PDB file of N, CA and C in Angstrom:
ATOM      1  N   MET A   1     169.210  67.730 113.011  1.00  0.00           N
ATOM      2  CA  MET A   1     169.626  66.342 113.150  1.00  0.00           C
ATOM      3  C   MET A   1     170.665  66.261 113.922  1.00  0.00           C
ATOM      4  N   PRO A   2     170.815  65.271 114.657  1.00  0.00           N
ATOM      5  CA  PRO A   2     171.947  65.071 115.593  1.00  0.00           C
ATOM      6  C   PRO A   2     173.382  65.043 115.079  1.00  0.00           C
ATOM      7  N   GLN A   3     173.607  64.553 113.842  1.00  0.00           N
ATOM      8  CA  GLN A   3     174.830  64.461 113.196  1.00  0.00           C
ATOM      9  C   GLN A   3     175.165  65.694 112.670  1.00  0.00           C
ATOM     10  N   THR A   4     174.133  66.748 112.397  1.00  0.00           N
ATOM     11  CA  THR A   4     174.359  68.092 111.816  1.00  0.00           C
ATOM     12  C   THR A   4     174.905  68.807 113.006  1.00  0.00           C
ATOM     13  N   ALA A   5     174.131  68.760 114.115  1.00  0.00           N
ATOM     14  CA  ALA A   5     174.675  69.538 115.371  1.00  0.00           C
ATOM     15  C   ALA A   5     176.156  69.191 115.754  1.00  0.00           C
ATOM     16  N   GLU A   6     176.565  67.785 115.511  1.00  0.00           N
ATOM     17  CA  GLU A   6     177.877  67.347 115.919  1.00  0.00           C
ATOM     18  C   GLU A   6     178.852  67.924 114.863  1.00  0.00           C
ATOM     19  N   ALA A   7     178.538  68.012 113.650  1.00  0.00           N
ATOM     20  CA  ALA A   7     179.395  68.463 112.697  1.00  0.00           C
ATOM     21  C   ALA A   7     179.838  69.935 112.941  1.00  0.00           C
ATOM     22  N   ILE A   8     178.559  70.609 113.363  1.00  0.00           N
ATOM     23  CA  ILE A   8     178.727  72.053 113.624  1.00  0.00           C
ATOM     24  C   ILE A   8     179.541  72.200 114.758  1.00  0.00           C
ATOM     25  N   ASP A   9     179.461  71.596 115.854  1.00  0.00           N
ATOM     26  CA  ASP A   9     180.223  71.554 117.049  1.00  0.00           C
ATOM     27  C   ASP A   9     181.764  71.290 116.934  1.00  0.00           C
ATOM     28  N   HIS A  10     182.064  70.199 116.043  1.00  0.00           N
ATOM     29  CA  HIS A  10     183.342  69.951 115.546  1.00  0.00           C
ATOM     30  C   HIS A  10     184.014  70.981 114.668  1.00  0.00           C
ATOM     31  N   ALA A  11     183.399  71.629 113.864  1.00  0.00           N
ATOM     32  CA  ALA A  11     183.878  72.576 112.922  1.00  0.00           C
ATOM     33  C   ALA A  11     184.143  73.906 113.739  1.00  0.00           C
ATOM     34  N   LYS A  12     183.260  74.167 114.678  1.00  0.00           N
ATOM     35  CA  LYS A  12     183.514  75.415 115.554  1.00  0.00           C
ATOM     36  C   LYS A  12     184.626  75.165 116.529  1.00  0.00           C
ATOM     37  N   ALA A  13     184.747  73.986 117.079  1.00  0.00           N
ATOM     38  CA  ALA A  13     185.934  73.608 117.845  1.00  0.00           C
ATOM     39  C   ALA A  13     187.239  73.634 117.010  1.00  0.00           C
ATOM     40  N   ALA A  14     187.248  73.256 115.775  1.00  0.00           N
ATOM     41  CA  ALA A  14     188.417  73.453 115.000  1.00  0.00           C
ATOM     42  C   ALA A  14     188.804  74.852 114.423  1.00  0.00           C
ATOM     43  N   LYS A  15     187.794  75.771 114.633  1.00  0.00           N
ATOM     44  CA  LYS A  15     187.953  77.032 114.159  1.00  0.00           C
ATOM     45  C   LYS A  15     188.118  77.094 112.863  1.00  0.00           C
ATOM     46  N   VAL A  16     187.338  76.266 111.934  1.00  0.00           N
ATOM     47  CA  VAL A  16     187.557  76.435 110.477  1.00  0.00           C
ATOM     48  C   VAL A  16     186.227  76.973 109.922  1.00  0.00           C
ATOM     49  N   PRO A  17     186.369  77.541 108.707  1.00  0.00           N
ATOM     50  CA  PRO A  17     185.332  78.165 107.992  1.00  0.00           C
ATOM     51  C   PRO A  17     184.227  77.056 107.829  1.00  0.00           C
ATOM     52  N   ILE A  18     182.943  77.477 107.815  1.00  0.00           N
ATOM     53  CA  ILE A  18     181.905  76.593 107.780  1.00  0.00           C
ATOM     54  C   ILE A  18     181.011  77.084 106.487  1.00  0.00           C
ATOM     55  N   ILE A  19     180.834  76.218 105.562  1.00  0.00           N
ATOM     56  CA  ILE A  19     180.093  76.396 104.405  1.00  0.00           C
ATOM     57  C   ILE A  19     178.873  75.366 104.436  1.00  0.00           C
ATOM     58  N   VAL A  20     177.739  75.934 104.348  1.00  0.00           N
ATOM     59  CA  VAL A  20     176.298  75.137 104.308  1.00  0.00           C
ATOM     60  C   VAL A  20     175.768  74.919 103.017  1.00  0.00           C
ATOM     61  N   ALA A  21     175.735  73.710 102.677  1.00  0.00           N
ATOM     62  CA  ALA A  21     174.832  73.501 101.380  1.00  0.00           C
ATOM     63  C   ALA A  21     173.527  73.031 101.709  1.00  0.00           C
ATOM     64  N   VAL A  22     172.494  73.727 101.458  1.00  0.00           N
ATOM     65  CA  VAL A  22     171.087  73.503 101.560  1.00  0.00           C
ATOM     66  C   VAL A  22     170.614  72.767 100.272  1.00  0.00           C
ATOM     67  N   ASN A  23     170.672  71.499 100.382  1.00  0.00           N
ATOM     68  CA  ASN A  23     170.099  70.642  99.262  1.00  0.00           C
ATOM     69  C   ASN A  23     168.651  70.377  99.311  1.00  0.00           C
ATOM     70  N   LYS A  24     168.326  69.820  98.070  1.00  0.00           N
ATOM     71  CA  LYS A  24     166.958  69.657  97.799  1.00  0.00           C
ATOM     72  C   LYS A  24     165.924  71.016  97.700  1.00  0.00           C
ATOM     73  N   MET A  25     166.666  71.938  97.138  1.00  0.00           N
ATOM     74  CA  MET A  25     165.940  73.188  96.831  1.00  0.00           C
ATOM     75  C   MET A  25     164.891  73.045  95.690  1.00  0.00           C
ATOM     76  N   ASP A  26     165.086  72.049  95.068  1.00  0.00           N
ATOM     77  CA  ASP A  26     164.020  71.698  93.795  1.00  0.00           C
ATOM     78  C   ASP A  26     162.666  71.117  94.308  1.00  0.00           C
ATOM     79  N   LYS A  27     162.683  70.577  95.710  1.00  0.00           N
ATOM     80  CA  LYS A  27     161.471  69.997  96.066  1.00  0.00           C
ATOM     81  C   LYS A  27     160.450  71.060  96.338  1.00  0.00           C
ATOM     82  N   PRO A  28     159.217  70.797  96.105  1.00  0.00           N
ATOM     83  CA  PRO A  28     158.065  71.678  96.407  1.00  0.00           C
ATOM     84  C   PRO A  28     158.069  71.765  98.042  1.00  0.00           C
ATOM     85  N   GLY A  29     157.807  73.110  98.357  1.00  0.00           N
ATOM     86  CA  GLY A  29     157.738  73.308  99.762  1.00  0.00           C
ATOM     87  C   GLY A  29     159.291  73.501 100.528  1.00  0.00           C
ATOM     88  N   ALA A  30     160.240  73.477  99.768  1.00  0.00           N
ATOM     89  CA  ALA A  30     161.660  73.702 100.241  1.00  0.00           C
ATOM     90  C   ALA A  30     161.498  75.130 100.926  1.00  0.00           C
ATOM     91  N   GLU A  31     162.099  75.186 102.292  1.00  0.00           N
ATOM     92  CA  GLU A  31     162.243  76.401 102.919  1.00  0.00           C
ATOM     93  C   GLU A  31     163.483  76.685 103.456  1.00  0.00           C
ATOM     94  N   SER A  32     164.233  77.331 102.474  1.00  0.00           N
ATOM     95  CA  SER A  32     165.646  77.683 102.959  1.00  0.00           C
ATOM     96  C   SER A  32     165.651  78.654 104.138  1.00  0.00           C
ATOM     97  N   GLU A  33     164.651  79.626 104.266  1.00  0.00           N
ATOM     98  CA  GLU A  33     164.662  80.423 105.429  1.00  0.00           C
ATOM     99  C   GLU A  33     164.402  79.864 106.740  1.00  0.00           C
ATOM    100  N   LYS A  34     163.776  78.665 106.790  1.00  0.00           N
ATOM    101  CA  LYS A  34     163.624  77.797 107.943  1.00  0.00           C
ATOM    102  C   LYS A  34     165.004  77.288 108.345  1.00  0.00           C
ATOM    103  N   ILE A  35     165.624  76.666 107.265  1.00  0.00           N
ATOM    104  CA  ILE A  35     167.032  76.154 107.496  1.00  0.00           C
ATOM    105  C   ILE A  35     167.879  77.228 108.027  1.00  0.00           C
ATOM    106  N   LYS A  36     167.989  78.487 107.512  1.00  0.00           N
ATOM    107  CA  LYS A  36     168.845  79.545 107.956  1.00  0.00           C
ATOM    108  C   LYS A  36     168.428  79.852 109.362  1.00  0.00           C
ATOM    109  N   ARG A  37     167.148  79.878 109.675  1.00  0.00           N
ATOM    110  CA  ARG A  37     166.765  80.175 111.109  1.00  0.00           C
ATOM    111  C   ARG A  37     167.303  79.006 111.928  1.00  0.00           C
ATOM    112  N   GLN A  38     167.245  77.909 111.713  1.00  0.00           N
ATOM    113  CA  GLN A  38     167.666  76.640 112.601  1.00  0.00           C
ATOM    114  C   GLN A  38     169.109  76.910 112.751  1.00  0.00           C
ATOM    115  N   LEU A  39     169.898  77.238 111.663  1.00  0.00           N
ATOM    116  CA  LEU A  39     171.313  77.438 111.760  1.00  0.00           C
ATOM    117  C   LEU A  39     171.658  78.486 112.687  1.00  0.00           C
ATOM    118  N   SER A  40     170.794  79.789 112.746  1.00  0.00           N
ATOM    119  CA  SER A  40     171.210  80.888 113.508  1.00  0.00           C
ATOM    120  C   SER A  40     170.879  80.448 114.924  1.00  0.00           C
ATOM    121  N   GLU A  41     170.070  79.532 115.097  1.00  0.00           N
ATOM    122  CA  GLU A  41     169.801  78.891 116.610  1.00  0.00           C
ATOM    123  C   GLU A  41     171.061  78.232 117.085  1.00  0.00           C
ATOM    124  N   ARG A  42     171.891  77.682 116.084  1.00  0.00           N
ATOM    125  CA  ARG A  42     172.996  76.956 116.422  1.00  0.00           C
ATOM    126  C   ARG A  42     174.314  77.927 116.510  1.00  0.00           C
ATOM    127  N   GLY A  43     174.129  79.074 116.343  1.00  0.00           N
ATOM    128  CA  GLY A  43     175.162  80.060 116.134  1.00  0.00           C
ATOM    129  C   GLY A  43     175.807  80.316 114.825  1.00  0.00           C
ATOM    130  N   LEU A  44     175.178  79.694 113.810  1.00  0.00           N
ATOM    131  CA  LEU A  44     175.538  80.049 112.356  1.00  0.00           C
ATOM    132  C   LEU A  44     174.771  81.111 111.734  1.00  0.00           C
ATOM    133  N   MET A  45     175.214  82.231 111.607  1.00  0.00           N
ATOM    134  CA  MET A  45     174.366  83.242 110.825  1.00  0.00           C
ATOM    135  C   MET A  45     174.878  83.389 109.423  1.00  0.00           C
ATOM    136  N   SER A  46     173.772  83.151 108.636  1.00  0.00           N
ATOM    137  CA  SER A  46     173.953  83.246 107.164  1.00  0.00           C
ATOM    138  C   SER A  46     174.735  84.833 106.789  1.00  0.00           C
ATOM    139  N   GLU A  47     175.455  84.731 105.821  1.00  0.00           N
ATOM    140  CA  GLU A  47     176.152  85.858 105.314  1.00  0.00           C
ATOM    141  C   GLU A  47     174.974  86.885 104.859  1.00  0.00           C
ATOM    142  N   GLU A  48     174.041  86.506 104.035  1.00  0.00           N
ATOM    143  CA  GLU A  48     173.008  87.483 103.879  1.00  0.00           C
ATOM    144  C   GLU A  48     172.270  87.878 105.045  1.00  0.00           C
ATOM    145  N   TRP A  49     172.221  87.407 106.184  1.00  0.00           N
ATOM    146  CA  TRP A  49     171.480  87.823 107.287  1.00  0.00           C
ATOM    147  C   TRP A  49     172.548  88.541 108.224  1.00  0.00           C
ATOM    148  N   GLY A  50     173.914  88.920 107.541  1.00  0.00           N
ATOM    149  CA  GLY A  50     174.771  89.748 108.360  1.00  0.00           C
ATOM    150  C   GLY A  50     175.857  88.875 109.011  1.00  0.00           C
ATOM    151  N   GLY A  51     175.763  87.652 108.924  1.00  0.00           N
ATOM    152  CA  GLY A  51     176.715  86.813 109.657  1.00  0.00           C
ATOM    153  C   GLY A  51     177.921  86.340 108.777  1.00  0.00           C
ATOM    154  N   ASP A  52     178.572  85.358 109.075  1.00  0.00           N
ATOM    155  CA  ASP A  52     179.832  84.990 108.454  1.00  0.00           C
ATOM    156  C   ASP A  52     179.768  83.695 107.952  1.00  0.00           C
ATOM    157  N   THR A  53     178.615  82.972 107.841  1.00  0.00           N
ATOM    158  CA  THR A  53     178.647  81.535 107.347  1.00  0.00           C
ATOM    159  C   THR A  53     177.905  81.640 106.024  1.00  0.00           C
ATOM    160  N   VAL A  54     178.613  80.827 104.983  1.00  0.00           N
ATOM    161  CA  VAL A  54     178.341  80.914 103.699  1.00  0.00           C
ATOM    162  C   VAL A  54     177.236  79.699 103.566  1.00  0.00           C
ATOM    163  N   VAL A  55     176.258  80.214 103.024  1.00  0.00           N
ATOM    164  CA  VAL A  55     174.970  79.140 102.790  1.00  0.00           C
ATOM    165  C   VAL A  55     174.662  79.220 101.356  1.00  0.00           C
ATOM    166  N   VAL A  56     174.734  78.135 100.645  1.00  0.00           N
ATOM    167  CA  VAL A  56     174.418  77.967  99.283  1.00  0.00           C
ATOM    168  C   VAL A  56     173.298  76.913  99.065  1.00  0.00           C
ATOM    169  N   GLU A  57     172.235  77.392  98.463  1.00  0.00           N
ATOM    170  CA  GLU A  57     170.936  76.618  98.186  1.00  0.00           C
ATOM    171  C   GLU A  57     171.343  75.826  96.876  1.00  0.00           C
ATOM    172  N   VAL A  58     171.205  74.596  96.944  1.00  0.00           N
ATOM    173  CA  VAL A  58     171.592  73.576  95.587  1.00  0.00           C
ATOM    174  C   VAL A  58     170.389  72.607  95.627  1.00  0.00           C
ATOM    175  N   SER A  59     170.544  72.030  94.496  1.00  0.00           N
ATOM    176  CA  SER A  59     169.841  70.856  94.162  1.00  0.00           C
ATOM    177  C   SER A  59     170.735  69.756  93.540  1.00  0.00           C
ATOM    178  N   ALA A  60     171.080  68.787  94.161  1.00  0.00           N
ATOM    179  CA  ALA A  60     172.023  67.741  93.477  1.00  0.00           C
ATOM    180  C   ALA A  60     171.434  67.007  92.458  1.00  0.00           C
ATOM    181  N   LYS A  61     170.035  66.930  92.621  1.00  0.00           N
ATOM    182  CA  LYS A  61     169.394  66.065  91.510  1.00  0.00           C
ATOM    183  C   LYS A  61     169.345  66.962  90.309  1.00  0.00           C
ATOM    184  N   GLN A  62     169.078  68.249  90.213  1.00  0.00           N
ATOM    185  CA  GLN A  62     168.926  69.201  89.170  1.00  0.00           C
ATOM    186  C   GLN A  62     170.250  69.741  88.919  1.00  0.00           C
ATOM    187  N   LYS A  63     171.325  69.486  89.635  1.00  0.00           N
ATOM    188  CA  LYS A  63     172.530  69.959  89.558  1.00  0.00           C
ATOM    189  C   LYS A  63     172.569  71.596  89.452  1.00  0.00           C
ATOM    190  N   THR A  64     171.756  72.199  90.355  1.00  0.00           N
ATOM    191  CA  THR A  64     171.504  73.736  90.507  1.00  0.00           C
ATOM    192  C   THR A  64     172.590  74.180  91.639  1.00  0.00           C
ATOM    193  N   ASN A  65     173.226  75.315  91.103  1.00  0.00           N
ATOM    194  CA  ASN A  65     174.144  76.106  92.127  1.00  0.00           C
ATOM    195  C   ASN A  65     175.269  75.255  92.545  1.00  0.00           C
ATOM    196  N   LEU A  66     175.545  74.154  91.965  1.00  0.00           N
ATOM    197  CA  LEU A  66     176.853  73.118  92.280  1.00  0.00           C
ATOM    198  C   LEU A  66     178.087  74.002  92.010  1.00  0.00           C
ATOM    199  N   ASP A  67     178.097  74.853  90.920  1.00  0.00           N
ATOM    200  CA  ASP A  67     179.278  75.687  90.492  1.00  0.00           C
ATOM    201  C   ASP A  67     179.315  76.767  91.500  1.00  0.00           C
ATOM    202  N   LYS A  68     178.296  77.353  91.898  1.00  0.00           N
ATOM    203  CA  LYS A  68     178.318  78.257  93.145  1.00  0.00           C
ATOM    204  C   LYS A  68     178.975  77.617  94.429  1.00  0.00           C
ATOM    205  N   LEU A  69     178.540  76.495  94.637  1.00  0.00           N
ATOM    206  CA  LEU A  69     179.099  75.826  95.908  1.00  0.00           C
ATOM    207  C   LEU A  69     180.644  75.502  95.874  1.00  0.00           C
ATOM    208  N   LEU A  70     181.023  75.314  94.672  1.00  0.00           N
ATOM    209  CA  LEU A  70     182.462  75.022  94.367  1.00  0.00           C
ATOM    210  C   LEU A  70     183.248  76.314  94.516  1.00  0.00           C
ATOM    211  N   GLU A  71     182.639  77.342  93.913  1.00  0.00           N
ATOM    212  CA  GLU A  71     183.296  78.599  94.076  1.00  0.00           C
ATOM    213  C   GLU A  71     183.441  79.084  95.460  1.00  0.00           C
ATOM    214  N   MET A  72     182.451  78.936  96.327  1.00  0.00           N
ATOM    215  CA  MET A  72     182.498  79.306  97.596  1.00  0.00           C
ATOM    216  C   MET A  72     183.578  78.375  98.340  1.00  0.00           C
ATOM    217  N   ILE A  73     183.699  77.284  98.026  1.00  0.00           N
ATOM    218  CA  ILE A  73     184.629  76.267  98.630  1.00  0.00           C
ATOM    219  C   ILE A  73     186.098  76.816  98.263  1.00  0.00           C
ATOM    220  N   CYS A  74     186.212  76.971  96.994  1.00  0.00           N
ATOM    221  CA  CYS A  74     187.568  77.423  96.631  1.00  0.00           C
ATOM    222  C   CYS A  74     187.985  78.855  97.239  1.00  0.00           C
ATOM    223  N   SER A  75     187.090  79.771  97.463  1.00  0.00           N
ATOM    224  CA  SER A  75     187.238  81.025  97.878  1.00  0.00           C
ATOM    225  C   SER A  75     187.524  80.833  99.359  1.00  0.00           C
ATOM    226  N   SER A  76     186.965  80.134 100.036  1.00  0.00           N
ATOM    227  CA  SER A  76     187.324  79.663 101.347  1.00  0.00           C
ATOM    228  C   SER A  76     188.718  79.252 101.517  1.00  0.00           C
ATOM    229  N   LEU A  77     189.042  78.304 100.719  1.00  0.00           N
ATOM    230  CA  LEU A  77     190.404  77.712 100.817  1.00  0.00           C
ATOM    231  C   LEU A  77     191.463  78.713 100.474  1.00  0.00           C
ATOM    232  N   THR A  78     191.165  79.608  99.493  1.00  0.00           N
ATOM    233  CA  THR A  78     192.198  80.693  99.276  1.00  0.00           C
ATOM    234  C   THR A  78     192.266  81.657 100.489  1.00  0.00           C
ATOM    235  N   CYS A  79     191.223  82.008 101.044  1.00  0.00           N
ATOM    236  CA  CYS A  79     191.296  83.041 102.249  1.00  0.00           C
ATOM    237  C   CYS A  79     191.910  82.402 103.344  1.00  0.00           C
ATOM    238  N   ALA A  80     191.845  80.939 103.616  1.00  0.00           N
ATOM    239  CA  ALA A  80     192.405  80.305 104.740  1.00  0.00           C
ATOM    240  C   ALA A  80     194.018  80.250 104.648  1.00  0.00           C
ATOM    241  N   ASN A  81     194.489  80.315 103.310  1.00  0.00           N
ATOM    242  CA  ASN A  81     195.880  80.031 103.175  1.00  0.00           C
ATOM    243  C   ASN A  81     196.589  81.196 103.403  1.00  0.00           C
TER     244      ASN A  81
END
């Protein structure tokens, strides 16, 4: 989506850590690998693929992995200071 590309470009320009929350993972047919592939095309390689971009699969509706997302955000802030 255009706003996603714009957000990525701004974050890269600011040289700040990027954390990606892949939402709606509770939906049938959710394809996190497809999202990770699209992110890699924009220069964001997932940590699990050997890159340095934190990617957390979440479901806001089911409240799945929100604690993990918060943990990743807190870790990122600690490392940045």
